[in-house]
Amino acid sequence: MLYLKKLNAEDMEKEWQFVRDMPEDENGLTNSFHGISRDDFEHRAFPAMMKFMEGKNLPEGYVPETFLFLWKDDEIIGQFRIRHYLCESLRTGAGHIGYFIAKPFRGKGYGTEGLRLTLEEAHRIVPEEEIYLRVNLDNPASLHVMLNNGGRIVGQDESHYFVRIPNQGRAGNTD
């Protein structure tokens, strides 16, 4: 069974292992905690991530961000992040949602289902009428995940597609 869970102390051991093993930067999703020790995760990273979710102690130019983990039964297989609203750098950059699926689980539909579940949560958090996403041109699998969830390409630059998904329940979106 697939489901999402927010970052939480009860699952810290598995969250640490997953975050530790995520690459530092893959397809634009950065992970400043790659390779982190268990102790540093508990005392430095986990509290920082919790504060980000609460919108506290944010660096200049950052917005609150919810960390969600995609679970398959009792194993974490992915991480999804929802940025609660857009600042200028997100509006022209990474957008509202970033995600990562562990390599052994790619190509099996978990990204599509994980984004679908994340969008359900984002619809409750994000005030904008559309969910903004960005994907590297050389990452067609992730682009298909977005398109499979109702996304449409609204533009591109030399290295990215810009994708928008209607935010159901917001002004102008009653689908």
N, C-alpha and C. Protein backbone atom coordinates (compact mmCIF):
# COMPACT_ATOMS: atom_id res chain seq x y z
N MET A 1 0.83 -1.18 0.00
CA MET A 1 0.00 0.00 0.00
C MET A 1 0.88 1.25 0.00
N LEU A 2 0.55 2.22 -0.85
CA LEU A 2 1.28 3.48 -0.92
C LEU A 2 0.55 4.55 -0.12
N TYR A 3 1.32 5.34 0.62
CA TYR A 3 0.75 6.45 1.37
C TYR A 3 1.84 7.46 1.68
N LEU A 4 1.41 8.68 1.97
CA LEU A 4 2.31 9.76 2.37
C LEU A 4 2.22 9.99 3.86
N LYS A 5 3.37 10.35 4.44
CA LYS A 5 3.41 10.77 5.84
C LYS A 5 4.33 11.97 5.95
N LYS A 6 3.90 12.96 6.75
CA LYS A 6 4.77 14.09 7.01
C LYS A 6 5.95 13.65 7.86
N LEU A 7 7.04 14.39 7.73
CA LEU A 7 8.19 14.21 8.60
C LEU A 7 7.69 14.16 10.04
N ASN A 8 8.16 13.16 10.80
CA ASN A 8 7.72 13.03 12.19
C ASN A 8 8.75 12.28 13.01
N ALA A 9 8.75 12.51 14.30
CA ALA A 9 9.75 11.92 15.19
C ALA A 9 9.61 10.41 15.29
N GLU A 10 8.41 9.90 15.19
CA GLU A 10 8.17 8.46 15.32
C GLU A 10 8.92 7.65 14.25
N ASP A 11 9.04 8.22 13.06
CA ASP A 11 9.67 7.52 11.94
C ASP A 11 11.09 8.01 11.67
N MET A 12 11.70 8.68 12.65
CA MET A 12 12.98 9.33 12.44
C MET A 12 14.06 8.40 11.92
N GLU A 13 14.12 7.19 12.39
CA GLU A 13 15.18 6.27 11.96
C GLU A 13 15.12 6.02 10.45
N LYS A 14 13.93 5.71 9.95
CA LYS A 14 13.78 5.44 8.52
C LYS A 14 13.92 6.73 7.71
N GLU A 15 13.42 7.84 8.25
CA GLU A 15 13.57 9.13 7.56
C GLU A 15 15.05 9.47 7.42
N TRP A 16 15.81 9.29 8.50
CA TRP A 16 17.26 9.56 8.46
C TRP A 16 17.93 8.72 7.38
N GLN A 17 17.66 7.41 7.37
CA GLN A 17 18.30 6.54 6.39
C GLN A 17 17.98 6.97 4.96
N PHE A 18 16.73 7.36 4.73
CA PHE A 18 16.34 7.76 3.39
C PHE A 18 17.02 9.07 2.99
N VAL A 19 16.96 10.06 3.87
CA VAL A 19 17.56 11.37 3.57
C VAL A 19 19.07 11.24 3.43
N ARG A 20 19.69 10.46 4.26
CA ARG A 20 21.14 10.24 4.19
C ARG A 20 21.55 9.69 2.83
N ASP A 21 20.73 8.81 2.28
CA ASP A 21 21.08 8.13 1.03
C ASP A 21 20.62 8.87 -0.23
N MET A 22 19.77 9.88 -0.07
CA MET A 22 19.38 10.68 -1.24
C MET A 22 20.60 11.42 -1.77
N PRO A 23 20.72 11.58 -3.08
CA PRO A 23 21.85 12.33 -3.63
C PRO A 23 21.81 13.80 -3.18
N GLU A 24 22.98 14.46 -3.25
CA GLU A 24 23.04 15.88 -2.92
C GLU A 24 22.23 16.72 -3.88
N ASP A 25 22.21 16.34 -5.13
CA ASP A 25 21.46 17.06 -6.15
C ASP A 25 21.20 16.10 -7.30
N GLU A 26 19.94 15.82 -7.51
CA GLU A 26 19.57 14.99 -8.65
C GLU A 26 18.40 15.63 -9.35
N ASN A 27 18.60 15.97 -10.61
CA ASN A 27 17.55 16.59 -11.42
C ASN A 27 16.99 17.85 -10.78
N GLY A 28 17.83 18.57 -10.05
CA GLY A 28 17.41 19.84 -9.47
C GLY A 28 16.89 19.77 -8.06
N LEU A 29 16.61 18.58 -7.53
CA LEU A 29 16.18 18.48 -6.14
C LEU A 29 17.42 18.33 -5.28
N THR A 30 17.66 19.32 -4.44
CA THR A 30 18.86 19.31 -3.62
C THR A 30 18.58 18.69 -2.25
N ASN A 31 19.63 18.13 -1.68
CA ASN A 31 19.55 17.49 -0.38
C ASN A 31 20.83 17.84 0.39
N SER A 32 20.75 18.86 1.21
CA SER A 32 21.94 19.30 1.95
C SER A 32 22.31 18.33 3.08
N PHE A 33 21.52 17.29 3.29
CA PHE A 33 21.79 16.34 4.37
C PHE A 33 22.31 14.99 3.86
N HIS A 34 22.70 14.92 2.60
CA HIS A 34 23.27 13.69 2.03
C HIS A 34 24.45 13.23 2.89
N GLY A 35 24.45 11.95 3.27
CA GLY A 35 25.56 11.38 4.03
C GLY A 35 25.58 11.76 5.49
N ILE A 36 24.55 12.40 5.99
CA ILE A 36 24.53 12.89 7.37
C ILE A 36 24.54 11.74 8.38
N SER A 37 25.20 11.95 9.50
CA SER A 37 25.22 10.95 10.57
C SER A 37 23.86 10.92 11.27
N ARG A 38 23.59 9.83 11.94
CA ARG A 38 22.32 9.69 12.68
C ARG A 38 22.19 10.78 13.73
N ASP A 39 23.26 11.04 14.45
CA ASP A 39 23.24 12.05 15.50
C ASP A 39 23.00 13.45 14.92
N ASP A 40 23.69 13.78 13.83
CA ASP A 40 23.49 15.09 13.21
C ASP A 40 22.07 15.22 12.64
N PHE A 41 21.53 14.14 12.13
CA PHE A 41 20.16 14.20 11.61
C PHE A 41 19.20 14.53 12.76
N GLU A 42 19.34 13.80 13.85
CA GLU A 42 18.42 14.00 14.98
C GLU A 42 18.54 15.40 15.58
N HIS A 43 19.76 15.89 15.73
CA HIS A 43 19.97 17.13 16.47
C HIS A 43 20.10 18.38 15.60
N ARG A 44 20.33 18.20 14.30
CA ARG A 44 20.49 19.37 13.44
C ARG A 44 19.47 19.38 12.28
N ALA A 45 19.47 18.33 11.49
CA ALA A 45 18.63 18.31 10.29
C ALA A 45 17.15 18.20 10.63
N PHE A 46 16.78 17.25 11.44
CA PHE A 46 15.36 17.04 11.78
C PHE A 46 14.75 18.31 12.38
N PRO A 47 15.39 18.94 13.38
CA PRO A 47 14.80 20.17 13.91
C PRO A 47 14.70 21.28 12.85
N ALA A 48 15.70 21.38 11.98
CA ALA A 48 15.65 22.40 10.93
C ALA A 48 14.50 22.12 9.97
N MET A 49 14.30 20.87 9.59
CA MET A 49 13.22 20.50 8.69
C MET A 49 11.86 20.79 9.34
N MET A 50 11.73 20.50 10.62
CA MET A 50 10.48 20.79 11.34
C MET A 50 10.22 22.29 11.37
N LYS A 51 11.26 23.08 11.59
CA LYS A 51 11.10 24.54 11.60
C LYS A 51 10.70 25.05 10.22
N PHE A 52 11.25 24.46 9.16
CA PHE A 52 10.86 24.84 7.81
C PHE A 52 9.37 24.60 7.62
N MET A 53 8.86 23.47 8.12
CA MET A 53 7.44 23.16 7.96
C MET A 53 6.58 24.17 8.72
N GLU A 54 7.10 24.69 9.83
CA GLU A 54 6.37 25.68 10.63
C GLU A 54 6.61 27.10 10.14
N GLY A 55 7.53 27.27 9.19
CA GLY A 55 7.84 28.60 8.70
C GLY A 55 8.72 29.41 9.64
N LYS A 56 9.47 28.73 10.49
CA LYS A 56 10.32 29.41 11.47
C LYS A 56 11.79 29.33 11.07
N ASN A 57 12.55 30.38 11.38
CA ASN A 57 13.99 30.46 11.11
C ASN A 57 14.34 30.20 9.64
N LEU A 58 13.52 30.71 8.74
CA LEU A 58 13.77 30.51 7.32
C LEU A 58 14.86 31.47 6.84
N PRO A 59 15.78 30.97 6.04
CA PRO A 59 16.76 31.87 5.42
C PRO A 59 16.05 32.88 4.51
N GLU A 60 16.70 33.97 4.25
CA GLU A 60 16.16 34.99 3.35
C GLU A 60 15.80 34.37 2.00
N GLY A 61 14.60 34.68 1.52
CA GLY A 61 14.16 34.19 0.23
C GLY A 61 13.54 32.80 0.25
N TYR A 62 13.39 32.20 1.44
CA TYR A 62 12.78 30.87 1.56
C TYR A 62 11.36 31.00 2.04
N VAL A 63 10.54 30.00 1.76
CA VAL A 63 9.15 29.96 2.23
C VAL A 63 8.96 28.66 3.02
N PRO A 64 7.89 28.57 3.82
CA PRO A 64 7.63 27.31 4.53
C PRO A 64 7.53 26.14 3.54
N GLU A 65 8.01 24.98 3.99
CA GLU A 65 8.08 23.81 3.12
C GLU A 65 7.72 22.57 3.93
N THR A 66 6.74 21.82 3.44
CA THR A 66 6.33 20.57 4.09
C THR A 66 7.10 19.41 3.48
N PHE A 67 7.68 18.59 4.33
CA PHE A 67 8.43 17.40 3.91
C PHE A 67 7.52 16.18 4.09
N LEU A 68 7.28 15.49 2.99
CA LEU A 68 6.45 14.29 2.99
C LEU A 68 7.28 13.12 2.49
N PHE A 69 7.02 11.96 3.07
CA PHE A 69 7.69 10.74 2.62
C PHE A 69 6.65 9.81 2.04
N LEU A 70 6.99 9.21 0.88
CA LEU A 70 6.14 8.22 0.25
C LEU A 70 6.55 6.86 0.77
N TRP A 71 5.59 6.18 1.37
CA TRP A 71 5.82 4.86 1.95
C TRP A 71 5.15 3.80 1.10
N LYS A 72 5.84 2.69 0.95
CA LYS A 72 5.26 1.48 0.37
C LYS A 72 5.30 0.46 1.50
N ASP A 73 4.14 0.19 2.04
CA ASP A 73 4.03 -0.63 3.24
C ASP A 73 4.86 0.00 4.36
N ASP A 74 5.95 -0.63 4.80
CA ASP A 74 6.73 -0.05 5.91
C ASP A 74 8.10 0.47 5.47
N GLU A 75 8.23 0.79 4.18
CA GLU A 75 9.50 1.28 3.64
C GLU A 75 9.30 2.62 2.94
N ILE A 76 10.19 3.56 3.21
CA ILE A 76 10.15 4.84 2.50
C ILE A 76 10.77 4.65 1.12
N ILE A 77 10.04 5.10 0.09
CA ILE A 77 10.55 4.95 -1.27
C ILE A 77 10.70 6.29 -1.99
N GLY A 78 10.23 7.37 -1.37
CA GLY A 78 10.32 8.67 -2.01
C GLY A 78 10.13 9.80 -1.03
N GLN A 79 10.55 10.98 -1.47
CA GLN A 79 10.33 12.20 -0.69
C GLN A 79 9.68 13.24 -1.60
N PHE A 80 8.67 13.92 -1.08
CA PHE A 80 7.99 15.00 -1.78
C PHE A 80 8.02 16.22 -0.88
N ARG A 81 8.21 17.39 -1.48
CA ARG A 81 8.26 18.63 -0.72
C ARG A 81 7.27 19.61 -1.32
N ILE A 82 6.49 20.23 -0.46
CA ILE A 82 5.55 21.26 -0.89
C ILE A 82 6.02 22.60 -0.33
N ARG A 83 6.31 23.53 -1.23
CA ARG A 83 6.59 24.90 -0.82
C ARG A 83 5.25 25.61 -0.77
N HIS A 84 4.94 26.18 0.39
CA HIS A 84 3.58 26.62 0.69
C HIS A 84 3.05 27.73 -0.20
N TYR A 85 3.92 28.58 -0.69
CA TYR A 85 3.51 29.65 -1.61
C TYR A 85 4.74 30.07 -2.40
N LEU A 86 4.51 30.87 -3.41
CA LEU A 86 5.61 31.26 -4.29
C LEU A 86 6.20 32.61 -3.89
N CYS A 87 7.50 32.66 -3.84
CA CYS A 87 8.22 33.92 -3.82
C CYS A 87 8.74 34.10 -5.25
N GLU A 88 9.37 35.20 -5.55
CA GLU A 88 9.79 35.45 -6.94
C GLU A 88 10.74 34.36 -7.45
N SER A 89 11.68 33.92 -6.61
CA SER A 89 12.63 32.91 -7.08
C SER A 89 11.95 31.57 -7.37
N LEU A 90 10.89 31.23 -6.65
CA LEU A 90 10.16 29.99 -6.91
C LEU A 90 9.25 30.14 -8.13
N ARG A 91 8.71 31.33 -8.33
CA ARG A 91 7.81 31.59 -9.46
C ARG A 91 8.54 31.38 -10.79
N THR A 92 9.81 31.69 -10.82
CA THR A 92 10.61 31.52 -12.04
C THR A 92 11.60 30.36 -11.91
N GLY A 93 11.49 29.63 -10.81
CA GLY A 93 12.43 28.54 -10.56
C GLY A 93 11.73 27.23 -10.24
N ALA A 94 12.05 26.66 -9.10
CA ALA A 94 11.64 25.30 -8.74
C ALA A 94 10.14 25.12 -8.54
N GLY A 95 9.41 26.17 -8.20
CA GLY A 95 7.97 26.05 -8.04
C GLY A 95 7.54 25.50 -6.69
N HIS A 96 6.34 24.94 -6.65
CA HIS A 96 5.73 24.49 -5.40
C HIS A 96 6.19 23.12 -4.92
N ILE A 97 6.44 22.21 -5.85
CA ILE A 97 6.66 20.80 -5.46
C ILE A 97 7.96 20.29 -6.06
N GLY A 98 8.74 19.61 -5.23
CA GLY A 98 9.90 18.86 -5.67
C GLY A 98 9.77 17.44 -5.16
N TYR A 99 10.36 16.49 -5.86
CA TYR A 99 10.24 15.11 -5.40
C TYR A 99 11.40 14.25 -5.88
N PHE A 100 11.54 13.14 -5.18
CA PHE A 100 12.60 12.16 -5.46
C PHE A 100 12.05 10.77 -5.18
N ILE A 101 12.25 9.86 -6.12
CA ILE A 101 11.90 8.44 -5.93
C ILE A 101 13.22 7.67 -5.95
N ALA A 102 13.42 6.80 -4.97
CA ALA A 102 14.64 5.99 -4.90
C ALA A 102 14.75 5.12 -6.16
N LYS A 103 15.96 4.95 -6.64
CA LYS A 103 16.20 4.27 -7.92
C LYS A 103 15.52 2.90 -8.05
N PRO A 104 15.54 2.04 -7.02
CA PRO A 104 14.91 0.72 -7.22
C PRO A 104 13.41 0.78 -7.48
N PHE A 105 12.79 1.95 -7.22
CA PHE A 105 11.33 2.06 -7.33
C PHE A 105 10.89 2.89 -8.54
N ARG A 106 11.82 3.33 -9.35
CA ARG A 106 11.48 4.15 -10.50
C ARG A 106 10.90 3.29 -11.63
N GLY A 107 10.08 3.93 -12.45
CA GLY A 107 9.49 3.25 -13.60
C GLY A 107 8.36 2.30 -13.25
N LYS A 108 7.82 2.42 -12.05
CA LYS A 108 6.77 1.51 -11.59
C LYS A 108 5.48 2.24 -11.24
N GLY A 109 5.42 3.55 -11.56
CA GLY A 109 4.21 4.32 -11.28
C GLY A 109 4.18 4.98 -9.92
N TYR A 110 5.22 4.77 -9.11
CA TYR A 110 5.22 5.34 -7.76
C TYR A 110 5.34 6.87 -7.78
N GLY A 111 6.06 7.41 -8.73
CA GLY A 111 6.17 8.86 -8.84
C GLY A 111 4.83 9.48 -9.18
N THR A 112 4.12 8.88 -10.11
CA THR A 112 2.80 9.39 -10.50
C THR A 112 1.84 9.35 -9.32
N GLU A 113 1.81 8.23 -8.63
CA GLU A 113 0.90 8.11 -7.48
C GLU A 113 1.35 9.01 -6.34
N GLY A 114 2.64 9.11 -6.11
CA GLY A 114 3.14 9.99 -5.06
C GLY A 114 2.81 11.45 -5.33
N LEU A 115 2.94 11.88 -6.58
CA LEU A 115 2.59 13.26 -6.91
C LEU A 115 1.08 13.47 -6.77
N ARG A 116 0.30 12.49 -7.15
CA ARG A 116 -1.17 12.60 -6.98
C ARG A 116 -1.51 12.83 -5.51
N LEU A 117 -0.92 12.03 -4.64
CA LEU A 117 -1.17 12.17 -3.20
C LEU A 117 -0.66 13.52 -2.68
N THR A 118 0.50 13.95 -3.18
CA THR A 118 1.07 15.22 -2.77
C THR A 118 0.18 16.38 -3.22
N LEU A 119 -0.37 16.28 -4.42
CA LEU A 119 -1.27 17.33 -4.90
C LEU A 119 -2.51 17.45 -4.01
N GLU A 120 -3.01 16.33 -3.50
CA GLU A 120 -4.14 16.39 -2.56
C GLU A 120 -3.78 17.25 -1.35
N GLU A 121 -2.60 17.08 -0.84
CA GLU A 121 -2.13 17.88 0.30
C GLU A 121 -1.88 19.32 -0.14
N ALA A 122 -1.28 19.50 -1.29
CA ALA A 122 -0.96 20.85 -1.78
C ALA A 122 -2.23 21.67 -1.99
N HIS A 123 -3.30 21.04 -2.40
CA HIS A 123 -4.55 21.76 -2.63
C HIS A 123 -5.06 22.41 -1.33
N ARG A 124 -4.68 21.85 -0.18
CA ARG A 124 -5.08 22.41 1.11
C ARG A 124 -4.12 23.51 1.59
N ILE A 125 -2.91 23.53 1.04
CA ILE A 125 -1.86 24.44 1.53
C ILE A 125 -1.63 25.64 0.61
N VAL A 126 -1.53 25.38 -0.66
CA VAL A 126 -1.08 26.37 -1.64
C VAL A 126 -2.21 27.35 -1.98
N PRO A 127 -1.97 28.66 -1.84
CA PRO A 127 -3.02 29.64 -2.13
C PRO A 127 -3.16 30.00 -3.60
N GLU A 128 -2.13 29.77 -4.41
CA GLU A 128 -2.18 30.14 -5.82
C GLU A 128 -3.17 29.27 -6.58
N GLU A 129 -3.65 29.78 -7.72
CA GLU A 129 -4.63 29.08 -8.53
C GLU A 129 -4.04 27.88 -9.28
N GLU A 130 -2.72 27.88 -9.44
CA GLU A 130 -2.06 26.76 -10.11
C GLU A 130 -0.87 26.31 -9.27
N ILE A 131 -0.57 25.03 -9.37
CA ILE A 131 0.62 24.46 -8.77
C ILE A 131 1.73 24.56 -9.82
N TYR A 132 2.84 25.21 -9.47
CA TYR A 132 3.97 25.39 -10.38
C TYR A 132 4.97 24.26 -10.15
N LEU A 133 5.45 23.67 -11.24
CA LEU A 133 6.50 22.67 -11.19
C LEU A 133 7.50 22.96 -12.30
N ARG A 134 8.71 22.50 -12.09
CA ARG A 134 9.77 22.64 -13.09
C ARG A 134 10.45 21.29 -13.22
N VAL A 135 10.83 20.93 -14.43
CA VAL A 135 11.50 19.64 -14.67
C VAL A 135 12.58 19.84 -15.71
N ASN A 136 13.69 19.17 -15.52
CA ASN A 136 14.79 19.23 -16.49
C ASN A 136 14.35 18.64 -17.83
N LEU A 137 14.81 19.25 -18.91
CA LEU A 137 14.49 18.75 -20.25
C LEU A 137 14.93 17.31 -20.44
N ASP A 138 16.02 16.93 -19.77
CA ASP A 138 16.55 15.57 -19.93
C ASP A 138 15.96 14.58 -18.92
N ASN A 139 14.80 14.90 -18.37
CA ASN A 139 14.13 14.02 -17.41
C ASN A 139 12.69 13.74 -17.88
N PRO A 140 12.54 13.02 -19.00
CA PRO A 140 11.20 12.78 -19.53
C PRO A 140 10.30 11.97 -18.59
N ALA A 141 10.88 11.11 -17.77
CA ALA A 141 10.06 10.31 -16.84
C ALA A 141 9.33 11.23 -15.87
N SER A 142 10.04 12.21 -15.32
CA SER A 142 9.41 13.12 -14.38
C SER A 142 8.39 14.02 -15.07
N LEU A 143 8.68 14.42 -16.29
CA LEU A 143 7.70 15.20 -17.05
C LEU A 143 6.41 14.39 -17.22
N HIS A 144 6.53 13.12 -17.53
CA HIS A 144 5.34 12.28 -17.69
C HIS A 144 4.57 12.14 -16.39
N VAL A 145 5.28 12.07 -15.26
CA VAL A 145 4.61 12.04 -13.95
C VAL A 145 3.72 13.27 -13.81
N MET A 146 4.26 14.43 -14.15
CA MET A 146 3.50 15.68 -14.03
C MET A 146 2.32 15.71 -15.00
N LEU A 147 2.56 15.32 -16.25
CA LEU A 147 1.49 15.31 -17.25
C LEU A 147 0.39 14.32 -16.87
N ASN A 148 0.78 13.19 -16.30
CA ASN A 148 -0.20 12.18 -15.85
C ASN A 148 -1.07 12.68 -14.71
N ASN A 149 -0.62 13.74 -14.04
CA ASN A 149 -1.38 14.32 -12.94
C ASN A 149 -2.07 15.62 -13.34
N GLY A 150 -2.32 15.79 -14.61
CA GLY A 150 -3.06 16.95 -15.08
C GLY A 150 -2.21 18.15 -15.43
N GLY A 151 -0.91 17.98 -15.47
CA GLY A 151 -0.02 19.08 -15.79
C GLY A 151 -0.05 19.43 -17.26
N ARG A 152 0.32 20.67 -17.53
CA ARG A 152 0.48 21.12 -18.90
C ARG A 152 1.75 21.96 -18.97
N ILE A 153 2.46 21.80 -20.05
CA ILE A 153 3.69 22.56 -20.26
C ILE A 153 3.29 23.98 -20.67
N VAL A 154 3.81 24.97 -19.93
CA VAL A 154 3.47 26.37 -20.24
C VAL A 154 4.68 27.13 -20.77
N GLY A 155 5.84 26.49 -20.78
CA GLY A 155 7.03 27.15 -21.31
C GLY A 155 8.26 26.31 -21.08
N GLN A 156 9.38 26.80 -21.57
CA GLN A 156 10.65 26.13 -21.34
C GLN A 156 11.77 27.14 -21.53
N ASP A 157 12.92 26.82 -20.94
CA ASP A 157 14.14 27.57 -21.19
C ASP A 157 15.17 26.60 -21.71
N GLU A 158 16.44 26.94 -21.65
CA GLU A 158 17.47 26.08 -22.23
C GLU A 158 17.63 24.74 -21.52
N SER A 159 17.11 24.62 -20.28
CA SER A 159 17.30 23.36 -19.56
C SER A 159 16.07 22.82 -18.84
N HIS A 160 14.95 23.54 -18.86
CA HIS A 160 13.76 23.12 -18.10
C HIS A 160 12.47 23.29 -18.88
N TYR A 161 11.50 22.42 -18.52
CA TYR A 161 10.10 22.66 -18.86
C TYR A 161 9.45 23.28 -17.63
N PHE A 162 8.49 24.16 -17.86
CA PHE A 162 7.70 24.72 -16.78
C PHE A 162 6.29 24.17 -16.92
N VAL A 163 5.80 23.54 -15.86
CA VAL A 163 4.54 22.81 -15.88
C VAL A 163 3.61 23.43 -14.85
N ARG A 164 2.32 23.50 -15.18
CA ARG A 164 1.31 24.00 -14.27
C ARG A 164 0.20 22.97 -14.14
N ILE A 165 -0.30 22.83 -12.91
CA ILE A 165 -1.42 21.94 -12.62
C ILE A 165 -2.47 22.77 -11.90
N PRO A 166 -3.73 22.73 -12.36
CA PRO A 166 -4.77 23.51 -11.67
C PRO A 166 -4.86 23.13 -10.19
N ASN A 167 -5.07 24.13 -9.37
CA ASN A 167 -5.21 23.92 -7.93
C ASN A 167 -6.69 23.90 -7.60
N GLN A 168 -7.29 22.71 -7.61
CA GLN A 168 -8.72 22.56 -7.37
C GLN A 168 -9.14 23.25 -6.07
N GLY A 169 -10.30 23.90 -6.12
CA GLY A 169 -10.83 24.54 -4.92
C GLY A 169 -10.38 25.98 -4.78
N ARG A 170 -9.41 26.43 -5.55
CA ARG A 170 -8.96 27.82 -5.50
C ARG A 170 -9.77 28.64 -6.49
N ALA A 171 -9.72 29.95 -6.37
CA ALA A 171 -10.47 30.85 -7.23
C ALA A 171 -10.29 30.48 -8.70
N GLY A 172 -11.39 30.31 -9.39
CA GLY A 172 -11.33 30.01 -10.82
C GLY A 172 -11.15 28.54 -11.13
N ASN A 173 -10.88 27.69 -10.15
CA ASN A 173 -10.67 26.26 -10.40
C ASN A 173 -11.70 25.47 -9.61
N THR A 174 -12.72 25.03 -10.28
CA THR A 174 -13.77 24.27 -9.61
C THR A 174 -13.87 22.85 -10.15
N ASP A 175 -12.88 22.45 -10.93
CA ASP A 175 -12.87 21.10 -11.52
C ASP A 175 -12.86 20.04 -10.44
